[in-house]
Amino acid sequence: MLTREKVLEAVKNMPQEFSIDDLIDKLLLLNKIEIGLDQSKNGETFTAKEAKKMIKEWSK
């Protein structure tokens, strides 16, 4: 989950003028990164071999 500090830091690093779409894109990216980090910490990952197998099955 994003923290207020991370959101404020993201806004501070944005250009002086930006669209709401740019801000939303930035926040969505940060949220996805946080989710991925949490999944990694919890061991919710796949090996490269497992991922390749899943992709092969999905592409049928």
PDB file of N, CA and C in Angstrom:
ATOM      1  N   MET A   1       0.846  -1.181   0.000  1.00  0.00           N
ATOM      2  CA  MET A   1       0.000   0.000   0.000  1.00  0.00           C
ATOM      3  C   MET A   1       0.891   1.244   0.000  1.00  0.00           C
ATOM      4  N   LEU A   2       0.478   2.231  -0.718  1.00  0.00           N
ATOM      5  CA  LEU A   2       1.232   3.480  -0.770  1.00  0.00           C
ATOM      6  C   LEU A   2       1.083   4.241   0.542  1.00  0.00           C
ATOM      7  N   THR A   3       2.112   4.969   0.872  1.00  0.00           N
ATOM      8  CA  THR A   3       2.048   5.829   2.046  1.00  0.00           C
ATOM      9  C   THR A   3       1.921   7.281   1.579  1.00  0.00           C
ATOM     10  N   ARG A   4       1.467   8.105   2.463  1.00  0.00           N
ATOM     11  CA  ARG A   4       1.329   9.534   2.150  1.00  0.00           C
ATOM     12  C   ARG A   4       2.688  10.112   1.749  1.00  0.00           C
ATOM     13  N   GLU A   5       3.736   9.685   2.442  1.00  0.00           N
ATOM     14  CA  GLU A   5       5.068  10.197   2.157  1.00  0.00           C
ATOM     15  C   GLU A   5       5.506   9.844   0.740  1.00  0.00           C
ATOM     16  N   LYS A   6       5.236   8.613   0.310  1.00  0.00           N
ATOM     17  CA  LYS A   6       5.615   8.200  -1.041  1.00  0.00           C
ATOM     18  C   LYS A   6       4.830   8.967  -2.099  1.00  0.00           C
ATOM     19  N   VAL A   7       3.564   9.218  -1.834  1.00  0.00           N
ATOM     20  CA  VAL A   7       2.739   9.979  -2.777  1.00  0.00           C
ATOM     21  C   VAL A   7       3.229  11.417  -2.854  1.00  0.00           C
ATOM     22  N   LEU A   8       3.514  12.015  -1.710  1.00  0.00           N
ATOM     23  CA  LEU A   8       4.003  13.395  -1.697  1.00  0.00           C
ATOM     24  C   LEU A   8       5.347  13.501  -2.413  1.00  0.00           C
ATOM     25  N   GLU A   9       6.215  12.529  -2.220  1.00  0.00           N
ATOM     26  CA  GLU A   9       7.506  12.531  -2.890  1.00  0.00           C
ATOM     27  C   GLU A   9       7.321  12.422  -4.406  1.00  0.00           C
ATOM     28  N   ALA A  10       6.370  11.573  -4.836  1.00  0.00           N
ATOM     29  CA  ALA A  10       6.091  11.438  -6.266  1.00  0.00           C
ATOM     30  C   ALA A  10       5.594  12.754  -6.846  1.00  0.00           C
ATOM     31  N   VAL A  11       4.728  13.440  -6.128  1.00  0.00           N
ATOM     32  CA  VAL A  11       4.202  14.727  -6.601  1.00  0.00           C
ATOM     33  C   VAL A  11       5.317  15.761  -6.653  1.00  0.00           C
ATOM     34  N   LYS A  12       6.197  15.762  -5.658  1.00  0.00           N
ATOM     35  CA  LYS A  12       7.317  16.713  -5.649  1.00  0.00           C
ATOM     36  C   LYS A  12       8.234  16.496  -6.840  1.00  0.00           C
ATOM     37  N   ASN A  13       8.357  15.252  -7.298  1.00  0.00           N
ATOM     38  CA  ASN A  13       9.252  14.945  -8.415  1.00  0.00           C
ATOM     39  C   ASN A  13       8.600  15.145  -9.780  1.00  0.00           C
ATOM     40  N   MET A  14       7.329  15.481  -9.801  1.00  0.00           N
ATOM     41  CA  MET A  14       6.647  15.765 -11.064  1.00  0.00           C
ATOM     42  C   MET A  14       7.089  17.141 -11.563  1.00  0.00           C
ATOM     43  N   PRO A  15       6.976  17.377 -12.866  1.00  0.00           N
ATOM     44  CA  PRO A  15       7.287  18.715 -13.388  1.00  0.00           C
ATOM     45  C   PRO A  15       6.343  19.771 -12.785  1.00  0.00           C
ATOM     46  N   GLN A  16       6.687  21.019 -12.938  1.00  0.00           N
ATOM     47  CA  GLN A  16       5.875  22.100 -12.380  1.00  0.00           C
ATOM     48  C   GLN A  16       4.427  22.035 -12.878  1.00  0.00           C
ATOM     49  N   GLU A  17       4.260  21.691 -14.133  1.00  0.00           N
ATOM     50  CA  GLU A  17       2.924  21.546 -14.706  1.00  0.00           C
ATOM     51  C   GLU A  17       2.768  20.132 -15.246  1.00  0.00           C
ATOM     52  N   PHE A  18       1.659  19.482 -14.912  1.00  0.00           N
ATOM     53  CA  PHE A  18       1.395  18.127 -15.381  1.00  0.00           C
ATOM     54  C   PHE A  18      -0.103  17.908 -15.419  1.00  0.00           C
ATOM     55  N   SER A  19      -0.492  16.934 -16.208  1.00  0.00           N
ATOM     56  CA  SER A  19      -1.926  16.628 -16.312  1.00  0.00           C
ATOM     57  C   SER A  19      -2.331  15.665 -15.204  1.00  0.00           C
ATOM     58  N   ILE A  20      -3.594  15.607 -14.929  1.00  0.00           N
ATOM     59  CA  ILE A  20      -4.106  14.679 -13.942  1.00  0.00           C
ATOM     60  C   ILE A  20      -3.858  13.240 -14.404  1.00  0.00           C
ATOM     61  N   ASP A  21      -3.895  13.022 -15.717  1.00  0.00           N
ATOM     62  CA  ASP A  21      -3.601  11.692 -16.259  1.00  0.00           C
ATOM     63  C   ASP A  21      -2.164  11.278 -15.950  1.00  0.00           C
ATOM     64  N   ASP A  22      -1.224  12.232 -16.061  1.00  0.00           N
ATOM     65  CA  ASP A  22       0.168  11.929 -15.734  1.00  0.00           C
ATOM     66  C   ASP A  22       0.310  11.551 -14.264  1.00  0.00           C
ATOM     67  N   LEU A  23      -0.374  12.274 -13.396  1.00  0.00           N
ATOM     68  CA  LEU A  23      -0.313  11.985 -11.966  1.00  0.00           C
ATOM     69  C   LEU A  23      -0.925  10.622 -11.654  1.00  0.00           C
ATOM     70  N   ILE A  24      -2.050  10.339 -12.250  1.00  0.00           N
ATOM     71  CA  ILE A  24      -2.707   9.045 -12.024  1.00  0.00           C
ATOM     72  C   ILE A  24      -1.808   7.912 -12.523  1.00  0.00           C
ATOM     73  N   ASP A  25      -1.199   8.089 -13.705  1.00  0.00           N
ATOM     74  CA  ASP A  25      -0.288   7.069 -14.233  1.00  0.00           C
ATOM     75  C   ASP A  25       0.871   6.828 -13.263  1.00  0.00           C
ATOM     76  N   LYS A  26       1.434   7.898 -12.736  1.00  0.00           N
ATOM     77  CA  LYS A  26       2.555   7.795 -11.790  1.00  0.00           C
ATOM     78  C   LYS A  26       2.124   7.061 -10.526  1.00  0.00           C
ATOM     79  N   LEU A  27       0.957   7.395  -9.996  1.00  0.00           N
ATOM     80  CA  LEU A  27       0.473   6.754  -8.768  1.00  0.00           C
ATOM     81  C   LEU A  27       0.136   5.285  -8.997  1.00  0.00           C
ATOM     82  N   LEU A  28      -0.442   4.967 -10.151  1.00  0.00           N
ATOM     83  CA  LEU A  28      -0.729   3.569 -10.467  1.00  0.00           C
ATOM     84  C   LEU A  28       0.569   2.759 -10.569  1.00  0.00           C
ATOM     85  N   LEU A  29       1.576   3.331 -11.203  1.00  0.00           N
ATOM     86  CA  LEU A  29       2.862   2.656 -11.309  1.00  0.00           C
ATOM     87  C   LEU A  29       3.459   2.411  -9.933  1.00  0.00           C
ATOM     88  N   LEU A  30       3.464   3.437  -9.088  1.00  0.00           N
ATOM     89  CA  LEU A  30       4.005   3.280  -7.743  1.00  0.00           C
ATOM     90  C   LEU A  30       3.247   2.212  -6.957  1.00  0.00           C
ATOM     91  N   ASN A  31       1.934   2.181  -7.103  1.00  0.00           N
ATOM     92  CA  ASN A  31       1.118   1.186  -6.414  1.00  0.00           C
ATOM     93  C   ASN A  31       1.453  -0.223  -6.891  1.00  0.00           C
ATOM     94  N   LYS A  32       1.621  -0.383  -8.195  1.00  0.00           N
ATOM     95  CA  LYS A  32       1.963  -1.705  -8.741  1.00  0.00           C
ATOM     96  C   LYS A  32       3.341  -2.152  -8.263  1.00  0.00           C
ATOM     97  N   ILE A  33       4.268  -1.227  -8.164  1.00  0.00           N
ATOM     98  CA  ILE A  33       5.596  -1.553  -7.642  1.00  0.00           C
ATOM     99  C   ILE A  33       5.495  -2.006  -6.194  1.00  0.00           C
ATOM    100  N   GLU A  34       4.710  -1.284  -5.402  1.00  0.00           N
ATOM    101  CA  GLU A  34       4.517  -1.661  -3.994  1.00  0.00           C
ATOM    102  C   GLU A  34       3.902  -3.055  -3.869  1.00  0.00           C
ATOM    103  N   ILE A  35       2.909  -3.340  -4.691  1.00  0.00           N
ATOM    104  CA  ILE A  35       2.267  -4.660  -4.674  1.00  0.00           C
ATOM    105  C   ILE A  35       3.301  -5.732  -5.021  1.00  0.00           C
ATOM    106  N   GLY A  36       4.099  -5.493  -6.039  1.00  0.00           N
ATOM    107  CA  GLY A  36       5.130  -6.448  -6.438  1.00  0.00           C
ATOM    108  C   GLY A  36       6.159  -6.680  -5.342  1.00  0.00           C
ATOM    109  N   LEU A  37       6.575  -5.622  -4.672  1.00  0.00           N
ATOM    110  CA  LEU A  37       7.526  -5.766  -3.573  1.00  0.00           C
ATOM    111  C   LEU A  37       6.928  -6.580  -2.428  1.00  0.00           C
ATOM    112  N   ASP A  38       5.670  -6.309  -2.116  1.00  0.00           N
ATOM    113  CA  ASP A  38       4.984  -7.074  -1.064  1.00  0.00           C
ATOM    114  C   ASP A  38       4.871  -8.546  -1.448  1.00  0.00           C
ATOM    115  N   GLN A  39       4.531  -8.814  -2.701  1.00  0.00           N
ATOM    116  CA  GLN A  39       4.426 -10.200  -3.160  1.00  0.00           C
ATOM    117  C   GLN A  39       5.783 -10.894  -3.063  1.00  0.00           C
ATOM    118  N   SER A  40       6.836 -10.196  -3.404  1.00  0.00           N
ATOM    119  CA  SER A  40       8.175 -10.771  -3.335  1.00  0.00           C
ATOM    120  C   SER A  40       8.549 -11.093  -1.887  1.00  0.00           C
ATOM    121  N   LYS A  41       8.258 -10.175  -0.977  1.00  0.00           N
ATOM    122  CA  LYS A  41       8.550 -10.396   0.444  1.00  0.00           C
ATOM    123  C   LYS A  41       7.790 -11.595   0.990  1.00  0.00           C
ATOM    124  N   ASN A  42       6.589 -11.822   0.483  1.00  0.00           N
ATOM    125  CA  ASN A  42       5.739 -12.911   0.959  1.00  0.00           C
ATOM    126  C   ASN A  42       5.971 -14.218   0.209  1.00  0.00           C
ATOM    127  N   GLY A  43       6.967 -14.226  -0.668  1.00  0.00           N
ATOM    128  CA  GLY A  43       7.286 -15.439  -1.411  1.00  0.00           C
ATOM    129  C   GLY A  43       6.272 -15.780  -2.484  1.00  0.00           C
ATOM    130  N   GLU A  44       5.479 -14.813  -2.905  1.00  0.00           N
ATOM    131  CA  GLU A  44       4.454 -15.027  -3.933  1.00  0.00           C
ATOM    132  C   GLU A  44       5.047 -14.751  -5.313  1.00  0.00           C
ATOM    133  N   THR A  45       6.068 -15.527  -5.663  1.00  0.00           N
ATOM    134  CA  THR A  45       6.750 -15.317  -6.936  1.00  0.00           C
ATOM    135  C   THR A  45       6.797 -16.626  -7.720  1.00  0.00           C
ATOM    136  N   PHE A  46       7.182 -16.523  -8.966  1.00  0.00           N
ATOM    137  CA  PHE A  46       7.320 -17.679  -9.840  1.00  0.00           C
ATOM    138  C   PHE A  46       8.747 -17.716 -10.374  1.00  0.00           C
ATOM    139  N   THR A  47       9.245 -18.901 -10.612  1.00  0.00           N
ATOM    140  CA  THR A  47      10.545 -19.023 -11.271  1.00  0.00           C
ATOM    141  C   THR A  47      10.351 -18.702 -12.747  1.00  0.00           C
ATOM    142  N   ALA A  48      11.463 -18.482 -13.431  1.00  0.00           N
ATOM    143  CA  ALA A  48      11.394 -18.213 -14.871  1.00  0.00           C
ATOM    144  C   ALA A  48      10.790 -19.412 -15.590  1.00  0.00           C
ATOM    145  N   LYS A  49      11.146 -20.607 -15.137  1.00  0.00           N
ATOM    146  CA  LYS A  49      10.626 -21.818 -15.756  1.00  0.00           C
ATOM    147  C   LYS A  49       9.107 -21.907 -15.583  1.00  0.00           C
ATOM    148  N   GLU A  50       8.606 -21.594 -14.383  1.00  0.00           N
ATOM    149  CA  GLU A  50       7.163 -21.621 -14.133  1.00  0.00           C
ATOM    150  C   GLU A  50       6.441 -20.577 -14.976  1.00  0.00           C
ATOM    151  N   ALA A  51       7.047 -19.388 -15.083  1.00  0.00           N
ATOM    152  CA  ALA A  51       6.437 -18.314 -15.868  1.00  0.00           C
ATOM    153  C   ALA A  51       6.352 -18.696 -17.340  1.00  0.00           C
ATOM    154  N   LYS A  52       7.414 -19.283 -17.866  1.00  0.00           N
ATOM    155  CA  LYS A  52       7.409 -19.694 -19.271  1.00  0.00           C
ATOM    156  C   LYS A  52       6.333 -20.750 -19.518  1.00  0.00           C
ATOM    157  N   LYS A  53       6.179 -21.665 -18.570  1.00  0.00           N
ATOM    158  CA  LYS A  53       5.162 -22.702 -18.701  1.00  0.00           C
ATOM    159  C   LYS A  53       3.766 -22.076 -18.717  1.00  0.00           C
ATOM    160  N   MET A  54       3.518 -21.103 -17.827  1.00  0.00           N
ATOM    161  CA  MET A  54       2.201 -20.450 -17.777  1.00  0.00           C
ATOM    162  C   MET A  54       1.929 -19.692 -19.079  1.00  0.00           C
ATOM    163  N   ILE A  55       2.921 -18.997 -19.589  1.00  0.00           N
ATOM    164  CA  ILE A  55       2.748 -18.238 -20.830  1.00  0.00           C
ATOM    165  C   ILE A  55       2.428 -19.187 -21.982  1.00  0.00           C
ATOM    166  N   LYS A  56       3.130 -20.313 -22.009  1.00  0.00           N
ATOM    167  CA  LYS A  56       2.883 -21.306 -23.065  1.00  0.00           C
ATOM    168  C   LYS A  56       1.450 -21.814 -22.990  1.00  0.00           C
ATOM    169  N   GLU A  57       0.946 -22.063 -21.775  1.00  0.00           N
ATOM    170  CA  GLU A  57      -0.424 -22.538 -21.607  1.00  0.00           C
ATOM    171  C   GLU A  57      -1.448 -21.467 -21.993  1.00  0.00           C
ATOM    172  N   TRP A  58      -1.157 -20.219 -21.652  1.00  0.00           N
ATOM    173  CA  TRP A  58      -2.082 -19.117 -21.959  1.00  0.00           C
ATOM    174  C   TRP A  58      -2.172 -18.869 -23.459  1.00  0.00           C
ATOM    175  N   SER A  59      -1.087 -19.117 -24.177  1.00  0.00           N
ATOM    176  CA  SER A  59      -1.064 -18.776 -25.602  1.00  0.00           C
ATOM    177  C   SER A  59      -1.715 -19.844 -26.483  1.00  0.00           C
ATOM    178  N   LYS A  60      -2.242 -20.886 -25.874  1.00  0.00           N
ATOM    179  CA  LYS A  60      -2.896 -21.945 -26.660  1.00  0.00           C
ATOM    180  C   LYS A  60      -4.228 -21.476 -27.179  1.00  0.00           C
TER     181      LYS A  60
END
